[in-house]
Amino acid sequence: MIPGRALHRLAANICSEKTLERVVEPAIADLQQEYCGAGNLATRVRILLAGYVAILKVIAMCAVSVSLESADERRAVARTLTWSVTIVVLITALLMVPPLYRHRPPSVRGWEIATTLLPQALGLAIPLGVAFGIAFGLGARATMSIAKMLLLCALAASVLNFGVLAWGVPAGNQAFREVTFRELRARGYQIAVIDLPKGYSEMKLSELRGEITHHLADGQPRRARRLTFSFHLRFALAAATLALVSVLLAAPVNRRGWRVALAFGACCAYWVLMIAGDFGSRRGYLMPPLGAWLPNVVLIATAMLIASWRGPAQAGHSR
């Protein structure tokens, strides 16, 4: 088997024709020549690894080099980002309003309880909002420059969501517990000390690691597996935005309606795979890290498969 074919297909979807012709293709040709001329297996493996690393570096540099030269591309990206921000705000509000008005204690100010609910709502609203923002914002298949810019924006959104899930959600949940107990004391309940054990959602990452170590040492592997799944799930959910956007940009869809349907299907698939990963982790069929990352792995692998087999991306015009 001659190496480099999959790399060439990947580079054709990311790098410009000039870079592909002058840098990537000569590097792949040198890799194939050295690989075929190697005398033993160890040398071939060394050549293969070195060549793939070098070519992937070039592809990575192409991926992060973004240039929106035309006004149409700049308008398409601005429109998509506007849709994304708007939908994130709407989903956040929809998730916060029911518990805010249904379960808010009478003596607690609305803004105070809203701050405790905001992190949980944002953790879900960011991946959904960005995915549907791209679905509604792009009228046709994204050009290579637009796809790169949107992927970088999705990466930034994933980093932001990690901060929300890693620190915002535990702090918000703990604040909600404090507000609830304060309301109980105001109603006359005699509660001297608030010392409830933290659940998964109230623990920070460092606390989860400590609990995992503690339960493993106490011979409670099932509890440790559950905590390990929760630990990795925060990282996986943070990366959900990037996984969903990858599928939307890789799919050869030219109509807005079909892209919205694809976004809905991708979100549903992510939810189903997350449940499957949780179930497999609980039953011992999957390692907890793999169970937590299962949706991301499946969606990103699907996006890479589509991108590598559909040939070089055609330059579409976003309407």
C-alpha atoms as a PDB file:
ATOM      1  CA  MET A   1       0.000   0.000   0.000  1.00  0.00           C
ATOM      2  CA  ILE A   2       1.403   3.388  -1.040  1.00  0.00           C
ATOM      3  CA  PRO A   3       1.099   5.956   1.790  1.00  0.00           C
ATOM      4  CA  GLY A   4      -0.084   9.520   1.396  1.00  0.00           C
ATOM      5  CA  ARG A   5      -3.373   9.169  -0.461  1.00  0.00           C
ATOM      6  CA  ALA A   6      -5.562  10.031   2.518  1.00  0.00           C
ATOM      7  CA  LEU A   7      -3.254  12.942   3.360  1.00  0.00           C
ATOM      8  CA  HIS A   8      -3.588  14.256  -0.176  1.00  0.00           C
ATOM      9  CA  ARG A   9      -7.393  14.143  -0.006  1.00  0.00           C
ATOM     10  CA  LEU A  10      -7.343  15.891   3.368  1.00  0.00           C
ATOM     11  CA  ALA A  11      -4.922  18.563   2.147  1.00  0.00           C
ATOM     12  CA  ALA A  12      -7.026  19.153  -0.965  1.00  0.00           C
ATOM     13  CA  ASN A  13      -9.924  20.192   1.279  1.00  0.00           C
ATOM     14  CA  ILE A  14      -7.840  22.479   3.509  1.00  0.00           C
ATOM     15  CA  CYS A  15      -4.861  23.900   1.605  1.00  0.00           C
ATOM     16  CA  SER A  16      -4.928  26.200  -1.390  1.00  0.00           C
ATOM     17  CA  GLU A  17      -4.106  24.864  -4.839  1.00  0.00           C
ATOM     18  CA  LYS A  18      -0.772  26.680  -4.771  1.00  0.00           C
ATOM     19  CA  THR A  19       0.257  25.174  -1.429  1.00  0.00           C
ATOM     20  CA  LEU A  20      -1.024  21.768  -2.501  1.00  0.00           C
ATOM     21  CA  GLU A  21       0.998  21.813  -5.716  1.00  0.00           C
ATOM     22  CA  ARG A  22       4.231  23.377  -4.416  1.00  0.00           C
ATOM     23  CA  VAL A  23       4.488  21.965  -0.872  1.00  0.00           C
ATOM     24  CA  VAL A  24       2.153  19.086  -0.056  1.00  0.00           C
ATOM     25  CA  GLU A  25       2.401  17.026  -3.252  1.00  0.00           C
ATOM     26  CA  PRO A  26       6.240  17.150  -3.420  1.00  0.00           C
ATOM     27  CA  ALA A  27       6.388  16.158   0.270  1.00  0.00           C
ATOM     28  CA  ILE A  28       4.049  13.233  -0.340  1.00  0.00           C
ATOM     29  CA  ALA A  29       6.095  12.192  -3.379  1.00  0.00           C
ATOM     30  CA  ASP A  30       9.310  12.227  -1.317  1.00  0.00           C
ATOM     31  CA  LEU A  31       7.572  10.230   1.419  1.00  0.00           C
ATOM     32  CA  GLN A  32       6.405   7.590  -1.054  1.00  0.00           C
ATOM     33  CA  GLN A  33       9.838   7.348  -2.675  1.00  0.00           C
ATOM     34  CA  GLU A  34      11.675   6.949   0.628  1.00  0.00           C
ATOM     35  CA  TYR A  35       9.054   4.501   1.914  1.00  0.00           C
ATOM     36  CA  CYS A  36       9.302   2.260  -1.131  1.00  0.00           C
ATOM     37  CA  GLY A  37      13.104   2.384  -1.063  1.00  0.00           C
ATOM     38  CA  ALA A  38      13.417   1.438   2.611  1.00  0.00           C
ATOM     39  CA  GLY A  39      14.933  -1.961   3.241  1.00  0.00           C
ATOM     40  CA  ASN A  40      13.295  -3.106   6.477  1.00  0.00           C
ATOM     41  CA  LEU A  41      10.094  -2.598   8.440  1.00  0.00           C
ATOM     42  CA  ALA A  42      11.614  -0.441  11.192  1.00  0.00           C
ATOM     43  CA  THR A  43      13.005   2.024   8.656  1.00  0.00           C
ATOM     44  CA  ARG A  44       9.670   2.177   6.841  1.00  0.00           C
ATOM     45  CA  VAL A  45       7.815   2.908  10.071  1.00  0.00           C
ATOM     46  CA  ARG A  46      10.281   5.666  10.958  1.00  0.00           C
ATOM     47  CA  ILE A  47      10.000   7.238   7.503  1.00  0.00           C
ATOM     48  CA  LEU A  48       6.221   6.965   7.582  1.00  0.00           C
ATOM     49  CA  LEU A  49       5.895   8.642  10.974  1.00  0.00           C
ATOM     50  CA  ALA A  50       8.336  11.438  10.145  1.00  0.00           C
ATOM     51  CA  GLY A  51       6.687  12.090   6.789  1.00  0.00           C
ATOM     52  CA  TYR A  52       3.151  12.136   8.173  1.00  0.00           C
ATOM     53  CA  VAL A  53       4.129  14.493  10.986  1.00  0.00           C
ATOM     54  CA  ALA A  54       5.795  16.912   8.560  1.00  0.00           C
ATOM     55  CA  ILE A  55       2.869  16.912   6.138  1.00  0.00           C
ATOM     56  CA  LEU A  56       0.311  17.251   8.926  1.00  0.00           C
ATOM     57  CA  LYS A  57       2.208  20.307  10.187  1.00  0.00           C
ATOM     58  CA  VAL A  58       1.777  21.918   6.773  1.00  0.00           C
ATOM     59  CA  ILE A  59      -1.926  21.035   6.734  1.00  0.00           C
ATOM     60  CA  ALA A  60      -2.338  22.475  10.237  1.00  0.00           C
ATOM     61  CA  MET A  61      -0.654  25.710   9.161  1.00  0.00           C
ATOM     62  CA  CYS A  62      -3.035  25.898   6.213  1.00  0.00           C
ATOM     63  CA  ALA A  63      -5.987  25.270   8.505  1.00  0.00           C
ATOM     64  CA  VAL A  64      -5.206  28.219  10.776  1.00  0.00           C
ATOM     65  CA  SER A  65      -4.277  30.624   7.974  1.00  0.00           C
ATOM     66  CA  VAL A  66      -7.540  32.393   7.133  1.00  0.00           C
ATOM     67  CA  SER A  67      -7.975  35.145   4.587  1.00  0.00           C
ATOM     68  CA  LEU A  68     -11.446  36.449   3.748  1.00  0.00           C
ATOM     69  CA  GLU A  69     -10.558  38.428   0.668  1.00  0.00           C
ATOM     70  CA  SER A  70     -13.988  38.923  -0.901  1.00  0.00           C
ATOM     71  CA  ALA A  71     -16.788  41.039   0.532  1.00  0.00           C
ATOM     72  CA  ASP A  72     -19.244  38.157   0.022  1.00  0.00           C
ATOM     73  CA  GLU A  73     -17.174  35.895   2.286  1.00  0.00           C
ATOM     74  CA  ARG A  74     -16.924  38.546   4.983  1.00  0.00           C
ATOM     75  CA  ARG A  75     -20.665  39.141   4.863  1.00  0.00           C
ATOM     76  CA  ALA A  76     -21.351  35.394   5.019  1.00  0.00           C
ATOM     77  CA  VAL A  77     -19.176  34.971   8.126  1.00  0.00           C
ATOM     78  CA  ALA A  78     -20.660  38.058   9.807  1.00  0.00           C
ATOM     79  CA  ARG A  79     -24.194  36.846   9.050  1.00  0.00           C
ATOM     80  CA  THR A  80     -23.430  33.375  10.406  1.00  0.00           C
ATOM     81  CA  LEU A  81     -21.888  34.730  13.609  1.00  0.00           C
ATOM     82  CA  THR A  82     -24.883  37.029  14.100  1.00  0.00           C
ATOM     83  CA  TRP A  83     -27.257  34.089  13.733  1.00  0.00           C
ATOM     84  CA  SER A  84     -25.150  32.026  16.142  1.00  0.00           C
ATOM     85  CA  VAL A  85     -25.055  34.670  18.873  1.00  0.00           C
ATOM     86  CA  THR A  86     -28.784  35.347  18.484  1.00  0.00           C
ATOM     87  CA  ILE A  87     -29.728  31.673  18.735  1.00  0.00           C
ATOM     88  CA  VAL A  88     -27.409  31.148  21.729  1.00  0.00           C
ATOM     89  CA  VAL A  89     -29.165  34.016  23.530  1.00  0.00           C
ATOM     90  CA  LEU A  90     -32.619  32.694  22.624  1.00  0.00           C
ATOM     91  CA  ILE A  91     -31.870  29.126  23.723  1.00  0.00           C
ATOM     92  CA  THR A  92     -30.311  30.384  26.953  1.00  0.00           C
ATOM     93  CA  ALA A  93     -33.417  32.436  27.704  1.00  0.00           C
ATOM     94  CA  LEU A  94     -35.742  29.536  26.865  1.00  0.00           C
ATOM     95  CA  LEU A  95     -33.840  27.231  29.203  1.00  0.00           C
ATOM     96  CA  MET A  96     -33.757  29.762  32.048  1.00  0.00           C
ATOM     97  CA  VAL A  97     -37.272  31.172  31.981  1.00  0.00           C
ATOM     98  CA  PRO A  98     -39.278  28.070  33.129  1.00  0.00           C
ATOM     99  CA  PRO A  99     -37.231  27.306  36.279  1.00  0.00           C
ATOM    100  CA  LEU A 100     -36.790  31.015  36.968  1.00  0.00           C
ATOM    101  CA  TYR A 101     -40.510  31.697  37.247  1.00  0.00           C
ATOM    102  CA  ARG A 102     -41.712  28.273  38.362  1.00  0.00           C
ATOM    103  CA  HIS A 103     -39.227  27.466  41.123  1.00  0.00           C
ATOM    104  CA  ARG A 104     -37.965  30.886  42.233  1.00  0.00           C
ATOM    105  CA  PRO A 105     -38.469  31.376  45.988  1.00  0.00           C
ATOM    106  CA  PRO A 106     -40.615  34.448  46.750  1.00  0.00           C
ATOM    107  CA  SER A 107     -37.988  36.110  48.923  1.00  0.00           C
ATOM    108  CA  VAL A 108     -35.160  35.703  46.390  1.00  0.00           C
ATOM    109  CA  ARG A 109     -34.532  38.375  43.762  1.00  0.00           C
ATOM    110  CA  GLY A 110     -34.879  37.265  40.167  1.00  0.00           C
ATOM    111  CA  TRP A 111     -31.404  38.366  39.061  1.00  0.00           C
ATOM    112  CA  GLU A 112     -29.826  36.399  41.913  1.00  0.00           C
ATOM    113  CA  ILE A 113     -31.441  33.100  40.972  1.00  0.00           C
ATOM    114  CA  ALA A 114     -30.813  33.822  37.272  1.00  0.00           C
ATOM    115  CA  THR A 115     -27.059  33.962  37.835  1.00  0.00           C
ATOM    116  CA  THR A 116     -27.161  30.462  39.294  1.00  0.00           C
ATOM    117  CA  LEU A 117     -29.075  29.127  36.268  1.00  0.00           C
ATOM    118  CA  LEU A 118     -27.049  30.889  33.586  1.00  0.00           C
ATOM    119  CA  PRO A 119     -24.026  28.512  33.458  1.00  0.00           C
ATOM    120  CA  GLN A 120     -26.160  25.396  33.003  1.00  0.00           C
ATOM    121  CA  ALA A 121     -28.180  27.041  30.244  1.00  0.00           C
ATOM    122  CA  LEU A 122     -25.069  28.316  28.455  1.00  0.00           C
ATOM    123  CA  GLY A 123     -23.395  24.919  28.552  1.00  0.00           C
ATOM    124  CA  LEU A 124     -26.173  23.557  26.338  1.00  0.00           C
ATOM    125  CA  ALA A 125     -26.998  26.715  24.397  1.00  0.00           C
ATOM    126  CA  ILE A 126     -23.497  27.309  23.010  1.00  0.00           C
ATOM    127  CA  PRO A 127     -23.146  24.104  20.926  1.00  0.00           C
ATOM    128  CA  LEU A 128     -26.790  24.186  19.812  1.00  0.00           C
ATOM    129  CA  GLY A 129     -26.731  27.886  19.012  1.00  0.00           C
ATOM    130  CA  VAL A 130     -23.515  27.761  16.988  1.00  0.00           C
ATOM    131  CA  ALA A 131     -24.672  24.682  15.054  1.00  0.00           C
ATOM    132  CA  PHE A 132     -28.043  26.164  14.105  1.00  0.00           C
ATOM    133  CA  GLY A 133     -26.440  29.569  13.545  1.00  0.00           C
ATOM    134  CA  ILE A 134     -24.280  28.040  10.817  1.00  0.00           C
ATOM    135  CA  ALA A 135     -27.297  26.182   9.433  1.00  0.00           C
ATOM    136  CA  PHE A 136     -29.353  29.374   9.126  1.00  0.00           C
ATOM    137  CA  GLY A 137     -26.491  31.749   8.313  1.00  0.00           C
ATOM    138  CA  LEU A 138     -25.023  29.932   5.316  1.00  0.00           C
ATOM    139  CA  GLY A 139     -27.132  29.907   2.189  1.00  0.00           C
ATOM    140  CA  ALA A 140     -24.833  27.604   0.210  1.00  0.00           C
ATOM    141  CA  ARG A 141     -21.853  25.354   0.790  1.00  0.00           C
ATOM    142  CA  ALA A 142     -19.068  27.228   2.539  1.00  0.00           C
ATOM    143  CA  THR A 143     -15.914  28.062   0.657  1.00  0.00           C
ATOM    144  CA  MET A 144     -12.606  26.905   2.069  1.00  0.00           C
ATOM    145  CA  SER A 145     -11.870  30.308   3.647  1.00  0.00           C
ATOM    146  CA  ILE A 146     -15.307  30.517   5.263  1.00  0.00           C
ATOM    147  CA  ALA A 147     -15.047  26.948   6.549  1.00  0.00           C
ATOM    148  CA  LYS A 148     -11.660  27.666   8.143  1.00  0.00           C
ATOM    149  CA  MET A 149     -12.947  30.827   9.824  1.00  0.00           C
ATOM    150  CA  LEU A 150     -16.053  29.096  11.167  1.00  0.00           C
ATOM    151  CA  LEU A 151     -13.996  26.180  12.467  1.00  0.00           C
ATOM    152  CA  LEU A 152     -11.744  28.619  14.331  1.00  0.00           C
ATOM    153  CA  CYS A 153     -14.843  30.327  15.758  1.00  0.00           C
ATOM    154  CA  ALA A 154     -16.191  26.916  16.797  1.00  0.00           C
ATOM    155  CA  LEU A 155     -12.880  26.176  18.507  1.00  0.00           C
ATOM    156  CA  ALA A 156     -13.108  29.476  20.397  1.00  0.00           C
ATOM    157  CA  ALA A 157     -16.699  28.658  21.401  1.00  0.00           C
ATOM    158  CA  SER A 158     -15.559  25.245  22.661  1.00  0.00           C
ATOM    159  CA  VAL A 159     -12.867  26.872  24.802  1.00  0.00           C
ATOM    160  CA  LEU A 160     -15.426  29.289  26.220  1.00  0.00           C
ATOM    161  CA  ASN A 161     -17.848  26.460  26.922  1.00  0.00           C
ATOM    162  CA  PHE A 162     -15.136  24.519  28.720  1.00  0.00           C
ATOM    163  CA  GLY A 163     -14.744  27.418  31.133  1.00  0.00           C
ATOM    164  CA  VAL A 164     -18.509  27.445  31.679  1.00  0.00           C
ATOM    165  CA  LEU A 165     -18.706  23.686  32.288  1.00  0.00           C
ATOM    166  CA  ALA A 166     -15.533  23.377  34.355  1.00  0.00           C
ATOM    167  CA  TRP A 167     -16.030  26.347  36.681  1.00  0.00           C
ATOM    168  CA  GLY A 168     -19.324  28.095  35.979  1.00  0.00           C
ATOM    169  CA  VAL A 169     -21.663  25.127  36.382  1.00  0.00           C
ATOM    170  CA  PRO A 170     -20.243  23.896  39.743  1.00  0.00           C
ATOM    171  CA  ALA A 171     -20.260  27.436  41.134  1.00  0.00           C
ATOM    172  CA  GLY A 172     -23.795  28.081  39.887  1.00  0.00           C
ATOM    173  CA  ASN A 173     -25.147  24.834  41.298  1.00  0.00           C
ATOM    174  CA  GLN A 174     -23.530  25.463  44.663  1.00  0.00           C
ATOM    175  CA  ALA A 175     -24.924  29.002  44.723  1.00  0.00           C
ATOM    176  CA  PHE A 176     -28.385  27.634  43.949  1.00  0.00           C
ATOM    177  CA  ARG A 177     -28.106  25.248  46.912  1.00  0.00           C
ATOM    178  CA  GLU A 178     -27.142  28.150  49.177  1.00  0.00           C
ATOM    179  CA  VAL A 179     -30.083  30.225  47.953  1.00  0.00           C
ATOM    180  CA  THR A 180     -32.442  27.299  48.568  1.00  0.00           C
ATOM    181  CA  PHE A 181     -31.250  26.762  52.140  1.00  0.00           C
ATOM    182  CA  ARG A 182     -31.426  30.483  52.812  1.00  0.00           C
ATOM    183  CA  GLU A 183     -35.062  30.428  51.733  1.00  0.00           C
ATOM    184  CA  LEU A 184     -35.750  27.462  54.008  1.00  0.00           C
ATOM    185  CA  ARG A 185     -34.292  29.313  56.981  1.00  0.00           C
ATOM    186  CA  ALA A 186     -36.395  32.360  56.093  1.00  0.00           C
ATOM    187  CA  ARG A 187     -39.500  30.184  56.242  1.00  0.00           C
ATOM    188  CA  GLY A 188     -38.675  29.102  59.780  1.00  0.00           C
ATOM    189  CA  TYR A 189     -36.905  25.816  59.269  1.00  0.00           C
ATOM    190  CA  GLN A 190     -34.160  25.243  61.842  1.00  0.00           C
ATOM    191  CA  ILE A 191     -31.098  24.552  59.727  1.00  0.00           C
ATOM    192  CA  ALA A 192     -27.930  25.290  61.652  1.00  0.00           C
ATOM    193  CA  VAL A 193     -25.294  23.847  59.337  1.00  0.00           C
ATOM    194  CA  ILE A 194     -25.377  23.352  55.610  1.00  0.00           C
ATOM    195  CA  ASP A 195     -23.150  20.367  54.966  1.00  0.00           C
ATOM    196  CA  LEU A 196     -24.594  18.376  52.106  1.00  0.00           C
ATOM    197  CA  PRO A 197     -22.226  16.189  50.078  1.00  0.00           C
ATOM    198  CA  LYS A 198     -21.590  17.588  46.634  1.00  0.00           C
ATOM    199  CA  GLY A 199     -22.984  15.781  43.639  1.00  0.00           C
ATOM    200  CA  TYR A 200     -21.303  15.433  40.264  1.00  0.00           C
ATOM    201  CA  SER A 201     -22.543  18.812  39.066  1.00  0.00           C
ATOM    202  CA  GLU A 202     -21.280  20.686  42.120  1.00  0.00           C
ATOM    203  CA  MET A 203     -17.735  19.287  41.996  1.00  0.00           C
ATOM    204  CA  LYS A 204     -14.876  21.045  40.286  1.00  0.00           C
ATOM    205  CA  LEU A 205     -12.463  19.046  38.159  1.00  0.00           C
ATOM    206  CA  SER A 206      -9.886  18.841  40.935  1.00  0.00           C
ATOM    207  CA  GLU A 207     -12.551  17.582  43.352  1.00  0.00           C
ATOM    208  CA  LEU A 208     -13.692  14.965  40.860  1.00  0.00           C
ATOM    209  CA  ARG A 209     -10.109  13.712  40.492  1.00  0.00           C
ATOM    210  CA  GLY A 210      -9.769  13.496  44.250  1.00  0.00           C
ATOM    211  CA  GLU A 211     -13.023  11.563  44.570  1.00  0.00           C
ATOM    212  CA  ILE A 212     -11.958   9.158  41.835  1.00  0.00           C
ATOM    213  CA  THR A 213      -8.703   8.412  43.634  1.00  0.00           C
ATOM    214  CA  HIS A 214     -10.514   8.052  46.952  1.00  0.00           C
ATOM    215  CA  HIS A 215     -13.098   5.555  45.661  1.00  0.00           C
ATOM    216  CA  LEU A 216     -10.487   3.518  43.827  1.00  0.00           C
ATOM    217  CA  ALA A 217      -8.485   3.263  47.036  1.00  0.00           C
ATOM    218  CA  ASP A 218     -11.637   2.229  48.955  1.00  0.00           C
ATOM    219  CA  GLY A 219     -12.386  -0.535  46.479  1.00  0.00           C
ATOM    220  CA  GLN A 220     -15.435   1.093  44.876  1.00  0.00           C
ATOM    221  CA  PRO A 221     -14.703   0.801  41.144  1.00  0.00           C
ATOM    222  CA  ARG A 222     -18.293   1.389  40.013  1.00  0.00           C
ATOM    223  CA  ARG A 223     -18.468   4.712  41.811  1.00  0.00           C
ATOM    224  CA  ALA A 224     -15.032   5.602  40.468  1.00  0.00           C
ATOM    225  CA  ARG A 225     -16.141   4.754  36.911  1.00  0.00           C
ATOM    226  CA  ARG A 226     -19.145   7.041  37.240  1.00  0.00           C
ATOM    227  CA  LEU A 227     -17.024   9.912  38.504  1.00  0.00           C
ATOM    228  CA  THR A 228     -14.471   9.321  35.736  1.00  0.00           C
ATOM    229  CA  PHE A 229     -17.237   9.522  33.152  1.00  0.00           C
ATOM    230  CA  SER A 230     -18.464  12.808  34.662  1.00  0.00           C
ATOM    231  CA  PHE A 231     -14.922  14.180  34.655  1.00  0.00           C
ATOM    232  CA  HIS A 232     -14.359  13.489  30.955  1.00  0.00           C
ATOM    233  CA  LEU A 233     -17.899  14.474  29.998  1.00  0.00           C
ATOM    234  CA  ARG A 234     -17.162  18.117  30.761  1.00  0.00           C
ATOM    235  CA  PHE A 235     -14.281  18.123  28.308  1.00  0.00           C
ATOM    236  CA  ALA A 236     -16.350  16.243  25.732  1.00  0.00           C
ATOM    237  CA  LEU A 237     -19.360  18.555  26.013  1.00  0.00           C
ATOM    238  CA  ALA A 238     -17.070  21.541  25.652  1.00  0.00           C
ATOM    239  CA  ALA A 239     -15.806  20.091  22.359  1.00  0.00           C
ATOM    240  CA  ALA A 240     -19.342  19.353  21.140  1.00  0.00           C
ATOM    241  CA  THR A 241     -19.476  22.679  19.301  1.00  0.00           C
ATOM    242  CA  LEU A 242     -16.442  21.787  17.213  1.00  0.00           C
ATOM    243  CA  ALA A 243     -17.796  18.302  16.477  1.00  0.00           C
ATOM    244  CA  LEU A 244     -21.205  19.555  15.328  1.00  0.00           C
ATOM    245  CA  VAL A 245     -19.744  22.333  13.197  1.00  0.00           C
ATOM    246  CA  SER A 246     -17.315  19.903  11.551  1.00  0.00           C
ATOM    247  CA  VAL A 247     -20.194  17.753  10.309  1.00  0.00           C
ATOM    248  CA  LEU A 248     -22.165  20.753   9.047  1.00  0.00           C
ATOM    249  CA  LEU A 249     -19.224  22.157   7.096  1.00  0.00           C
ATOM    250  CA  ALA A 250     -18.077  18.821   5.679  1.00  0.00           C
ATOM    251  CA  ALA A 251     -21.491  17.697   4.399  1.00  0.00           C
ATOM    252  CA  PRO A 252     -22.108  18.481   0.692  1.00  0.00           C
ATOM    253  CA  VAL A 253     -25.306  20.449   1.375  1.00  0.00           C
ATOM    254  CA  ASN A 254     -26.140  23.520  -0.708  1.00  0.00           C
ATOM    255  CA  ARG A 255     -29.590  24.469   0.602  1.00  0.00           C
ATOM    256  CA  ARG A 256     -30.361  26.152   3.889  1.00  0.00           C
ATOM    257  CA  GLY A 257     -33.335  23.911   4.633  1.00  0.00           C
ATOM    258  CA  TRP A 258     -31.315  20.740   4.259  1.00  0.00           C
ATOM    259  CA  ARG A 259     -28.558  22.197   6.425  1.00  0.00           C
ATOM    260  CA  VAL A 260     -31.044  23.023   9.197  1.00  0.00           C
ATOM    261  CA  ALA A 261     -32.335  19.443   9.009  1.00  0.00           C
ATOM    262  CA  LEU A 262     -28.744  18.189   9.147  1.00  0.00           C
ATOM    263  CA  ALA A 263     -28.053  20.355  12.214  1.00  0.00           C
ATOM    264  CA  PHE A 264     -31.121  18.928  13.932  1.00  0.00           C
ATOM    265  CA  GLY A 265     -30.080  15.379  13.028  1.00  0.00           C
ATOM    266  CA  ALA A 266     -26.503  15.924  14.184  1.00  0.00           C
ATOM    267  CA  CYS A 267     -27.687  17.287  17.551  1.00  0.00           C
ATOM    268  CA  CYS A 268     -30.047  14.335  17.988  1.00  0.00           C
ATOM    269  CA  ALA A 269     -27.263  11.918  17.041  1.00  0.00           C
ATOM    270  CA  TYR A 270     -24.962  13.551  19.595  1.00  0.00           C
ATOM    271  CA  TRP A 271     -27.610  13.144  22.306  1.00  0.00           C
ATOM    272  CA  VAL A 272     -28.244   9.493  21.431  1.00  0.00           C
ATOM    273  CA  LEU A 273     -24.520   8.703  21.351  1.00  0.00           C
ATOM    274  CA  MET A 274     -24.045  10.459  24.694  1.00  0.00           C
ATOM    275  CA  ILE A 275     -26.737   8.257  26.234  1.00  0.00           C
ATOM    276  CA  ALA A 276     -25.144   5.191  24.638  1.00  0.00           C
ATOM    277  CA  GLY A 277     -21.745   6.175  25.999  1.00  0.00           C
ATOM    278  CA  ASP A 278     -23.194   6.677  29.477  1.00  0.00           C
ATOM    279  CA  PHE A 279     -24.952   3.313  29.333  1.00  0.00           C
ATOM    280  CA  GLY A 280     -21.835   1.531  28.050  1.00  0.00           C
ATOM    281  CA  SER A 281     -19.706   3.145  30.738  1.00  0.00           C
ATOM    282  CA  ARG A 282     -22.118   2.180  33.519  1.00  0.00           C
ATOM    283  CA  ARG A 283     -22.314  -1.435  32.350  1.00  0.00           C
ATOM    284  CA  GLY A 284     -18.579  -1.762  31.799  1.00  0.00           C
ATOM    285  CA  TYR A 285     -18.794  -2.180  28.021  1.00  0.00           C
ATOM    286  CA  LEU A 286     -16.800   1.003  27.408  1.00  0.00           C
ATOM    287  CA  MET A 287     -14.016   2.694  29.302  1.00  0.00           C
ATOM    288  CA  PRO A 288     -15.435   5.867  30.921  1.00  0.00           C
ATOM    289  CA  PRO A 289     -13.252   8.276  28.874  1.00  0.00           C
ATOM    290  CA  LEU A 290     -14.319   6.566  25.651  1.00  0.00           C
ATOM    291  CA  GLY A 291     -17.958   6.600  26.718  1.00  0.00           C
ATOM    292  CA  ALA A 292     -17.817  10.341  27.394  1.00  0.00           C
ATOM    293  CA  TRP A 293     -16.018  11.130  24.141  1.00  0.00           C
ATOM    294  CA  LEU A 294     -18.040   8.718  21.974  1.00  0.00           C
ATOM    295  CA  PRO A 295     -20.299  11.384  20.350  1.00  0.00           C
ATOM    296  CA  ASN A 296     -17.347  13.621  19.492  1.00  0.00           C
ATOM    297  CA  VAL A 297     -15.307  10.752  18.085  1.00  0.00           C
ATOM    298  CA  VAL A 298     -18.169   9.541  15.884  1.00  0.00           C
ATOM    299  CA  LEU A 299     -19.126  12.986  14.558  1.00  0.00           C
ATOM    300  CA  ILE A 300     -15.578  14.173  13.876  1.00  0.00           C
ATOM    301  CA  ALA A 301     -14.677  10.854  12.236  1.00  0.00           C
ATOM    302  CA  THR A 302     -17.792  11.172  10.066  1.00  0.00           C
ATOM    303  CA  ALA A 303     -16.829  14.720   9.080  1.00  0.00           C
ATOM    304  CA  MET A 304     -13.281  13.675   8.206  1.00  0.00           C
ATOM    305  CA  LEU A 305     -14.561  10.723   6.183  1.00  0.00           C
ATOM    306  CA  ILE A 306     -16.939  12.942   4.199  1.00  0.00           C
ATOM    307  CA  ALA A 307     -14.269  15.578   3.630  1.00  0.00           C
ATOM    308  CA  SER A 308     -11.645  13.084   2.493  1.00  0.00           C
ATOM    309  CA  TRP A 309     -13.887  11.206   0.050  1.00  0.00           C
ATOM    310  CA  ARG A 310     -15.905  13.946  -1.572  1.00  0.00           C
ATOM    311  CA  GLY A 311     -12.861  15.463  -3.249  1.00  0.00           C
ATOM    312  CA  PRO A 312     -11.622  19.037  -3.155  1.00  0.00           C
ATOM    313  CA  ALA A 313     -14.193  21.474  -1.859  1.00  0.00           C
ATOM    314  CA  GLN A 314     -15.976  23.405  -4.533  1.00  0.00           C
ATOM    315  CA  ALA A 315     -16.057  27.125  -4.175  1.00  0.00           C
ATOM    316  CA  GLY A 316     -19.618  27.965  -3.271  1.00  0.00           C
ATOM    317  CA  HIS A 317     -21.128  31.428  -2.998  1.00  0.00           C
ATOM    318  CA  SER A 318     -22.987  32.105   0.246  1.00  0.00           C
ATOM    319  CA  ARG A 319     -26.206  33.866  -0.442  1.00  0.00           C
END
